[in-house]
Amino acid sequence: MRDLSAVRQGWGEVERVEARLFCSTAVQESFRQWLQLQQVFEPQLRDTSALFGPERQSALAELQARLRHLAEKWGTKWGT
């Protein structure tokens, strides 16, 4: 298992790739992908909500914060 600092070393590159993908994917395509994932995983999410619900909520909050960060970073660059 890798040390956490080793994982964080390449995180800047991950954020750059993430931002590039975020910018190159149309809203409609992103939404379509989300709906497909939701359809596939909804039964499992429902069945395991008692066990993993709080952890999922925390992960969702982190994802939203990261998306907000990307929107702020790239939004200012594009003047929006």
PDB file of N, CA and C in Angstrom:
ATOM      1  N   MET A   1       0.842  -1.177   0.000  1.00  0.00           N
ATOM      2  CA  MET A   1       0.000   0.000   0.000  1.00  0.00           C
ATOM      3  C   MET A   1       0.888   1.240   0.000  1.00  0.00           C
ATOM      4  N   ARG A   2       0.497   2.215  -0.819  1.00  0.00           N
ATOM      5  CA  ARG A   2       1.297   3.430  -0.925  1.00  0.00           C
ATOM      6  C   ARG A   2       1.003   4.391   0.220  1.00  0.00           C
ATOM      7  N   ASP A   3       2.016   5.135   0.566  1.00  0.00           N
ATOM      8  CA  ASP A   3       1.901   6.177   1.566  1.00  0.00           C
ATOM      9  C   ASP A   3       0.976   7.277   1.023  1.00  0.00           C
ATOM     10  N   LEU A   4       0.207   7.910   1.890  1.00  0.00           N
ATOM     11  CA  LEU A   4      -0.722   8.945   1.465  1.00  0.00           C
ATOM     12  C   LEU A   4      -0.007  10.104   0.779  1.00  0.00           C
ATOM     13  N   SER A   5       1.184  10.441   1.239  1.00  0.00           N
ATOM     14  CA  SER A   5       1.923  11.537   0.602  1.00  0.00           C
ATOM     15  C   SER A   5       2.298  11.183  -0.836  1.00  0.00           C
ATOM     16  N   ALA A   6       2.531   9.904  -1.106  1.00  0.00           N
ATOM     17  CA  ALA A   6       2.842   9.477  -2.468  1.00  0.00           C
ATOM     18  C   ALA A   6       1.622   9.652  -3.370  1.00  0.00           C
ATOM     19  N   VAL A   7       0.461   9.399  -2.836  1.00  0.00           N
ATOM     20  CA  VAL A   7      -0.769   9.572  -3.601  1.00  0.00           C
ATOM     21  C   VAL A   7      -0.996  11.053  -3.895  1.00  0.00           C
ATOM     22  N   ARG A   8      -0.743  11.888  -2.907  1.00  0.00           N
ATOM     23  CA  ARG A   8      -0.965  13.326  -3.068  1.00  0.00           C
ATOM     24  C   ARG A   8       0.023  13.972  -4.024  1.00  0.00           C
ATOM     25  N   GLN A   9       1.170  13.371  -4.240  1.00  0.00           N
ATOM     26  CA  GLN A   9       2.173  13.957  -5.118  1.00  0.00           C
ATOM     27  C   GLN A   9       1.643  14.183  -6.525  1.00  0.00           C
ATOM     28  N   GLY A  10       0.882  13.261  -7.032  1.00  0.00           N
ATOM     29  CA  GLY A  10       0.369  13.390  -8.386  1.00  0.00           C
ATOM     30  C   GLY A  10      -1.003  14.040  -8.459  1.00  0.00           C
ATOM     31  N   TRP A  11      -1.487  14.594  -7.351  1.00  0.00           N
ATOM     32  CA  TRP A  11      -2.855  15.094  -7.315  1.00  0.00           C
ATOM     33  C   TRP A  11      -3.065  16.297  -8.226  1.00  0.00           C
ATOM     34  N   GLY A  12      -2.050  17.123  -8.404  1.00  0.00           N
ATOM     35  CA  GLY A  12      -2.184  18.273  -9.299  1.00  0.00           C
ATOM     36  C   GLY A  12      -2.513  17.840 -10.710  1.00  0.00           C
ATOM     37  N   GLU A  13      -1.865  16.782 -11.152  1.00  0.00           N
ATOM     38  CA  GLU A  13      -2.135  16.259 -12.489  1.00  0.00           C
ATOM     39  C   GLU A  13      -3.559  15.723 -12.576  1.00  0.00           C
ATOM     40  N   VAL A  14      -4.014  15.063 -11.528  1.00  0.00           N
ATOM     41  CA  VAL A  14      -5.389  14.553 -11.498  1.00  0.00           C
ATOM     42  C   VAL A  14      -6.366  15.712 -11.629  1.00  0.00           C
ATOM     43  N   GLU A  15      -6.121  16.800 -10.913  1.00  0.00           N
ATOM     44  CA  GLU A  15      -7.006  17.959 -10.987  1.00  0.00           C
ATOM     45  C   GLU A  15      -6.984  18.588 -12.381  1.00  0.00           C
ATOM     46  N   ARG A  16      -5.826  18.619 -13.023  1.00  0.00           N
ATOM     47  CA  ARG A  16      -5.751  19.177 -14.376  1.00  0.00           C
ATOM     48  C   ARG A  16      -6.556  18.322 -15.366  1.00  0.00           C
ATOM     49  N   VAL A  17      -6.419  17.008 -15.270  1.00  0.00           N
ATOM     50  CA  VAL A  17      -7.160  16.110 -16.157  1.00  0.00           C
ATOM     51  C   VAL A  17      -8.661  16.226 -15.866  1.00  0.00           C
ATOM     52  N   GLU A  18      -8.999  16.263 -14.591  1.00  0.00           N
ATOM     53  CA  GLU A  18     -10.389  16.396 -14.183  1.00  0.00           C
ATOM     54  C   GLU A  18     -10.997  17.683 -14.758  1.00  0.00           C
ATOM     55  N   ALA A  19     -10.263  18.770 -14.674  1.00  0.00           N
ATOM     56  CA  ALA A  19     -10.745  20.052 -15.192  1.00  0.00           C
ATOM     57  C   ALA A  19     -10.911  19.991 -16.709  1.00  0.00           C
ATOM     58  N   ARG A  20      -9.957  19.367 -17.383  1.00  0.00           N
ATOM     59  CA  ARG A  20     -10.043  19.247 -18.840  1.00  0.00           C
ATOM     60  C   ARG A  20     -11.279  18.443 -19.244  1.00  0.00           C
ATOM     61  N   LEU A  21     -11.505  17.334 -18.563  1.00  0.00           N
ATOM     62  CA  LEU A  21     -12.680  16.514 -18.862  1.00  0.00           C
ATOM     63  C   LEU A  21     -13.967  17.265 -18.548  1.00  0.00           C
ATOM     64  N   PHE A  22     -13.948  17.967 -17.436  1.00  0.00           N
ATOM     65  CA  PHE A  22     -15.111  18.745 -17.019  1.00  0.00           C
ATOM     66  C   PHE A  22     -15.481  19.770 -18.095  1.00  0.00           C
ATOM     67  N   CYS A  23     -14.476  20.410 -18.637  1.00  0.00           N
ATOM     68  CA  CYS A  23     -14.704  21.465 -19.629  1.00  0.00           C
ATOM     69  C   CYS A  23     -15.064  20.914 -21.001  1.00  0.00           C
ATOM     70  N   SER A  24     -14.591  19.738 -21.315  1.00  0.00           N
ATOM     71  CA  SER A  24     -14.814  19.203 -22.659  1.00  0.00           C
ATOM     72  C   SER A  24     -16.102  18.392 -22.774  1.00  0.00           C
ATOM     73  N   THR A  25     -16.752  18.101 -21.666  1.00  0.00           N
ATOM     74  CA  THR A  25     -17.985  17.316 -21.699  1.00  0.00           C
ATOM     75  C   THR A  25     -19.187  18.252 -21.666  1.00  0.00           C
ATOM     76  N   ALA A  26     -20.073  18.089 -22.615  1.00  0.00           N
ATOM     77  CA  ALA A  26     -21.282  18.903 -22.665  1.00  0.00           C
ATOM     78  C   ALA A  26     -22.176  18.563 -21.479  1.00  0.00           C
ATOM     79  N   VAL A  27     -22.954  19.528 -21.064  1.00  0.00           N
ATOM     80  CA  VAL A  27     -23.856  19.335 -19.926  1.00  0.00           C
ATOM     81  C   VAL A  27     -24.803  18.168 -20.199  1.00  0.00           C
ATOM     82  N   GLN A  28     -25.326  18.106 -21.389  1.00  0.00           N
ATOM     83  CA  GLN A  28     -26.271  17.035 -21.720  1.00  0.00           C
ATOM     84  C   GLN A  28     -25.608  15.660 -21.615  1.00  0.00           C
ATOM     85  N   GLU A  29     -24.360  15.560 -22.084  1.00  0.00           N
ATOM     86  CA  GLU A  29     -23.645  14.282 -22.024  1.00  0.00           C
ATOM     87  C   GLU A  29     -23.361  13.905 -20.570  1.00  0.00           C
ATOM     88  N   SER A  30     -22.950  14.857 -19.767  1.00  0.00           N
ATOM     89  CA  SER A  30     -22.686  14.586 -18.346  1.00  0.00           C
ATOM     90  C   SER A  30     -23.954  14.106 -17.651  1.00  0.00           C
ATOM     91  N   PHE A  31     -25.058  14.761 -17.940  1.00  0.00           N
ATOM     92  CA  PHE A  31     -26.326  14.384 -17.323  1.00  0.00           C
ATOM     93  C   PHE A  31     -26.752  12.989 -17.769  1.00  0.00           C
ATOM     94  N   ARG A  32     -26.570  12.692 -19.053  1.00  0.00           N
ATOM     95  CA  ARG A  32     -26.905  11.363 -19.570  1.00  0.00           C
ATOM     96  C   ARG A  32     -26.081  10.288 -18.876  1.00  0.00           C
ATOM     97  N   GLN A  33     -24.792  10.542 -18.697  1.00  0.00           N
ATOM     98  CA  GLN A  33     -23.920   9.586 -18.004  1.00  0.00           C
ATOM     99  C   GLN A  33     -24.355   9.401 -16.557  1.00  0.00           C
ATOM    100  N   TRP A  34     -24.710  10.495 -15.905  1.00  0.00           N
ATOM    101  CA  TRP A  34     -25.161  10.412 -14.512  1.00  0.00           C
ATOM    102  C   TRP A  34     -26.436   9.572 -14.410  1.00  0.00           C
ATOM    103  N   LEU A  35     -27.375   9.792 -15.319  1.00  0.00           N
ATOM    104  CA  LEU A  35     -28.611   9.011 -15.301  1.00  0.00           C
ATOM    105  C   LEU A  35     -28.353   7.521 -15.510  1.00  0.00           C
ATOM    106  N   GLN A  36     -27.429   7.194 -16.394  1.00  0.00           N
ATOM    107  CA  GLN A  36     -27.086   5.790 -16.621  1.00  0.00           C
ATOM    108  C   GLN A  36     -26.499   5.165 -15.352  1.00  0.00           C
ATOM    109  N   LEU A  37     -25.590   5.864 -14.717  1.00  0.00           N
ATOM    110  CA  LEU A  37     -25.003   5.351 -13.473  1.00  0.00           C
ATOM    111  C   LEU A  37     -26.061   5.196 -12.391  1.00  0.00           C
ATOM    112  N   GLN A  38     -26.928   6.187 -12.282  1.00  0.00           N
ATOM    113  CA  GLN A  38     -27.996   6.141 -11.281  1.00  0.00           C
ATOM    114  C   GLN A  38     -28.883   4.923 -11.499  1.00  0.00           C
ATOM    115  N   GLN A  39     -29.229   4.658 -12.745  1.00  0.00           N
ATOM    116  CA  GLN A  39     -30.096   3.524 -13.069  1.00  0.00           C
ATOM    117  C   GLN A  39     -29.434   2.201 -12.686  1.00  0.00           C
ATOM    118  N   VAL A  40     -28.145   2.080 -12.933  1.00  0.00           N
ATOM    119  CA  VAL A  40     -27.435   0.840 -12.647  1.00  0.00           C
ATOM    120  C   VAL A  40     -27.270   0.629 -11.141  1.00  0.00           C
ATOM    121  N   PHE A  41     -26.931   1.690 -10.424  1.00  0.00           N
ATOM    122  CA  PHE A  41     -26.561   1.530  -9.019  1.00  0.00           C
ATOM    123  C   PHE A  41     -27.664   1.827  -8.010  1.00  0.00           C
ATOM    124  N   GLU A  42     -28.780   2.353  -8.450  1.00  0.00           N
ATOM    125  CA  GLU A  42     -29.845   2.721  -7.514  1.00  0.00           C
ATOM    126  C   GLU A  42     -30.284   1.576  -6.593  1.00  0.00           C
ATOM    127  N   PRO A  43     -30.533   0.378  -7.105  1.00  0.00           N
ATOM    128  CA  PRO A  43     -30.949  -0.697  -6.194  1.00  0.00           C
ATOM    129  C   PRO A  43     -29.897  -1.005  -5.121  1.00  0.00           C
ATOM    130  N   GLN A  44     -28.635  -1.003  -5.495  1.00  0.00           N
ATOM    131  CA  GLN A  44     -27.570  -1.276  -4.519  1.00  0.00           C
ATOM    132  C   GLN A  44     -27.466  -0.151  -3.495  1.00  0.00           C
ATOM    133  N   LEU A  45     -27.598   1.067  -3.952  1.00  0.00           N
ATOM    134  CA  LEU A  45     -27.546   2.211  -3.032  1.00  0.00           C
ATOM    135  C   LEU A  45     -28.692   2.141  -2.030  1.00  0.00           C
ATOM    136  N   ARG A  46     -29.861   1.812  -2.509  1.00  0.00           N
ATOM    137  CA  ARG A  46     -31.022   1.707  -1.626  1.00  0.00           C
ATOM    138  C   ARG A  46     -30.831   0.588  -0.599  1.00  0.00           C
ATOM    139  N   ASP A  47     -30.338  -0.568  -1.066  1.00  0.00           N
ATOM    140  CA  ASP A  47     -30.165  -1.724  -0.189  1.00  0.00           C
ATOM    141  C   ASP A  47     -29.098  -1.504   0.880  1.00  0.00           C
ATOM    142  N   THR A  48     -28.131  -0.673   0.620  1.00  0.00           N
ATOM    143  CA  THR A  48     -27.031  -0.483   1.570  1.00  0.00           C
ATOM    144  C   THR A  48     -27.037   0.890   2.241  1.00  0.00           C
ATOM    145  N   SER A  49     -28.143   1.629   2.118  1.00  0.00           N
ATOM    146  CA  SER A  49     -28.178   2.988   2.667  1.00  0.00           C
ATOM    147  C   SER A  49     -28.013   3.023   4.183  1.00  0.00           C
ATOM    148  N   ALA A  50     -28.515   2.010   4.882  1.00  0.00           N
ATOM    149  CA  ALA A  50     -28.368   2.000   6.341  1.00  0.00           C
ATOM    150  C   ALA A  50     -26.903   1.867   6.748  1.00  0.00           C
ATOM    151  N   LEU A  51     -26.138   1.112   5.974  1.00  0.00           N
ATOM    152  CA  LEU A  51     -24.724   0.893   6.297  1.00  0.00           C
ATOM    153  C   LEU A  51     -23.823   2.032   5.831  1.00  0.00           C
ATOM    154  N   PHE A  52     -24.074   2.516   4.625  1.00  0.00           N
ATOM    155  CA  PHE A  52     -23.125   3.446   4.007  1.00  0.00           C
ATOM    156  C   PHE A  52     -23.689   4.832   3.727  1.00  0.00           C
ATOM    157  N   GLY A  53     -24.919   5.102   4.126  1.00  0.00           N
ATOM    158  CA  GLY A  53     -25.546   6.387   3.839  1.00  0.00           C
ATOM    159  C   GLY A  53     -24.738   7.599   4.297  1.00  0.00           C
ATOM    160  N   PRO A  54     -24.323   7.651   5.574  1.00  0.00           N
ATOM    161  CA  PRO A  54     -23.551   8.813   6.037  1.00  0.00           C
ATOM    162  C   PRO A  54     -22.218   8.992   5.288  1.00  0.00           C
ATOM    163  N   GLU A  55     -21.572   7.891   4.979  1.00  0.00           N
ATOM    164  CA  GLU A  55     -20.311   7.958   4.233  1.00  0.00           C
ATOM    165  C   GLU A  55     -20.559   8.504   2.820  1.00  0.00           C
ATOM    166  N   ARG A  56     -21.642   8.074   2.203  1.00  0.00           N
ATOM    167  CA  ARG A  56     -21.984   8.571   0.868  1.00  0.00           C
ATOM    168  C   ARG A  56     -22.295  10.065   0.898  1.00  0.00           C
ATOM    169  N   GLN A  57     -23.011  10.498   1.932  1.00  0.00           N
ATOM    170  CA  GLN A  57     -23.331  11.920   2.051  1.00  0.00           C
ATOM    171  C   GLN A  57     -22.060  12.753   2.177  1.00  0.00           C
ATOM    172  N   SER A  58     -21.111  12.246   2.942  1.00  0.00           N
ATOM    173  CA  SER A  58     -19.831  12.929   3.100  1.00  0.00           C
ATOM    174  C   SER A  58     -19.078  12.992   1.771  1.00  0.00           C
ATOM    175  N   ALA A  59     -19.060  11.889   1.050  1.00  0.00           N
ATOM    176  CA  ALA A  59     -18.386  11.850  -0.255  1.00  0.00           C
ATOM    177  C   ALA A  59     -19.073  12.786  -1.243  1.00  0.00           C
ATOM    178  N   LEU A  60     -20.385  12.852  -1.196  1.00  0.00           N
ATOM    179  CA  LEU A  60     -21.126  13.747  -2.083  1.00  0.00           C
ATOM    180  C   LEU A  60     -20.790  15.207  -1.768  1.00  0.00           C
ATOM    181  N   ALA A  61     -20.712  15.546  -0.489  1.00  0.00           N
ATOM    182  CA  ALA A  61     -20.352  16.912  -0.093  1.00  0.00           C
ATOM    183  C   ALA A  61     -18.948  17.261  -0.591  1.00  0.00           C
ATOM    184  N   GLU A  62     -18.027  16.313  -0.498  1.00  0.00           N
ATOM    185  CA  GLU A  62     -16.668  16.540  -0.992  1.00  0.00           C
ATOM    186  C   GLU A  62     -16.669  16.728  -2.512  1.00  0.00           C
ATOM    187  N   LEU A  63     -17.430  15.918  -3.215  1.00  0.00           N
ATOM    188  CA  LEU A  63     -17.526  16.041  -4.669  1.00  0.00           C
ATOM    189  C   LEU A  63     -18.094  17.406  -5.047  1.00  0.00           C
ATOM    190  N   GLN A  64     -19.139  17.824  -4.360  1.00  0.00           N
ATOM    191  CA  GLN A  64     -19.732  19.124  -4.650  1.00  0.00           C
ATOM    192  C   GLN A  64     -18.737  20.249  -4.406  1.00  0.00           C
ATOM    193  N   ALA A  65     -17.948  20.149  -3.358  1.00  0.00           N
ATOM    194  CA  ALA A  65     -16.937  21.166  -3.066  1.00  0.00           C
ATOM    195  C   ALA A  65     -15.883  21.201  -4.167  1.00  0.00           C
ATOM    196  N   ARG A  66     -15.479  20.041  -4.633  1.00  0.00           N
ATOM    197  CA  ARG A  66     -14.479  19.986  -5.706  1.00  0.00           C
ATOM    198  C   ARG A  66     -15.037  20.551  -7.010  1.00  0.00           C
ATOM    199  N   LEU A  67     -16.291  20.229  -7.308  1.00  0.00           N
ATOM    200  CA  LEU A  67     -16.913  20.773  -8.515  1.00  0.00           C
ATOM    201  C   LEU A  67     -17.057  22.296  -8.405  1.00  0.00           C
ATOM    202  N   ARG A  68     -17.409  22.775  -7.211  1.00  0.00           N
ATOM    203  CA  ARG A  68     -17.514  24.210  -7.000  1.00  0.00           C
ATOM    204  C   ARG A  68     -16.151  24.869  -7.207  1.00  0.00           C
ATOM    205  N   HIS A  69     -15.103  24.242  -6.677  1.00  0.00           N
ATOM    206  CA  HIS A  69     -13.749  24.759  -6.840  1.00  0.00           C
ATOM    207  C   HIS A  69     -13.381  24.836  -8.320  1.00  0.00           C
ATOM    208  N   LEU A  70     -13.676  23.777  -9.068  1.00  0.00           N
ATOM    209  CA  LEU A  70     -13.380  23.778 -10.499  1.00  0.00           C
ATOM    210  C   LEU A  70     -14.184  24.853 -11.225  1.00  0.00           C
ATOM    211  N   ALA A  71     -15.452  24.991 -10.879  1.00  0.00           N
ATOM    212  CA  ALA A  71     -16.291  25.999 -11.532  1.00  0.00           C
ATOM    213  C   ALA A  71     -15.757  27.406 -11.251  1.00  0.00           C
ATOM    214  N   GLU A  72     -15.331  27.641 -10.013  1.00  0.00           N
ATOM    215  CA  GLU A  72     -14.779  28.953  -9.673  1.00  0.00           C
ATOM    216  C   GLU A  72     -13.460  29.192 -10.395  1.00  0.00           C
ATOM    217  N   LYS A  73     -12.624  28.168 -10.421  1.00  0.00           N
ATOM    218  CA  LYS A  73     -11.316  28.295 -11.061  1.00  0.00           C
ATOM    219  C   LYS A  73     -11.463  28.547 -12.552  1.00  0.00           C
ATOM    220  N   TRP A  74     -12.267  27.754 -13.213  1.00  0.00           N
ATOM    221  CA  TRP A  74     -12.399  27.869 -14.661  1.00  0.00           C
ATOM    222  C   TRP A  74     -13.380  28.952 -15.047  1.00  0.00           C
ATOM    223  N   GLY A  75     -14.351  29.223 -14.197  1.00  0.00           N
ATOM    224  CA  GLY A  75     -15.315  30.288 -14.488  1.00  0.00           C
ATOM    225  C   GLY A  75     -14.646  31.640 -14.554  1.00  0.00           C
ATOM    226  N   THR A  76     -13.711  31.901 -13.624  1.00  0.00           N
ATOM    227  CA  THR A  76     -13.005  33.179 -13.628  1.00  0.00           C
ATOM    228  C   THR A  76     -12.100  33.285 -14.839  1.00  0.00           C
ATOM    229  N   LYS A  77     -11.508  32.192 -15.219  1.00  0.00           N
ATOM    230  CA  LYS A  77     -10.610  32.198 -16.372  1.00  0.00           C
ATOM    231  C   LYS A  77     -11.382  32.556 -17.634  1.00  0.00           C
ATOM    232  N   TRP A  78     -12.621  32.082 -17.733  1.00  0.00           N
ATOM    233  CA  TRP A  78     -13.420  32.316 -18.931  1.00  0.00           C
ATOM    234  C   TRP A  78     -14.268  33.570 -18.823  1.00  0.00           C
ATOM    235  N   GLY A  79     -14.175  34.236 -17.674  1.00  0.00           N
ATOM    236  CA  GLY A  79     -14.914  35.476 -17.516  1.00  0.00           C
ATOM    237  C   GLY A  79     -16.397  35.306 -17.245  1.00  0.00           C
ATOM    238  N   THR A  80     -16.792  34.168 -16.706  1.00  0.00           N
ATOM    239  CA  THR A  80     -18.205  33.971 -16.400  1.00  0.00           C
ATOM    240  C   THR A  80     -18.469  34.215 -14.946  1.00  0.00           C
TER     241      THR A  80
END
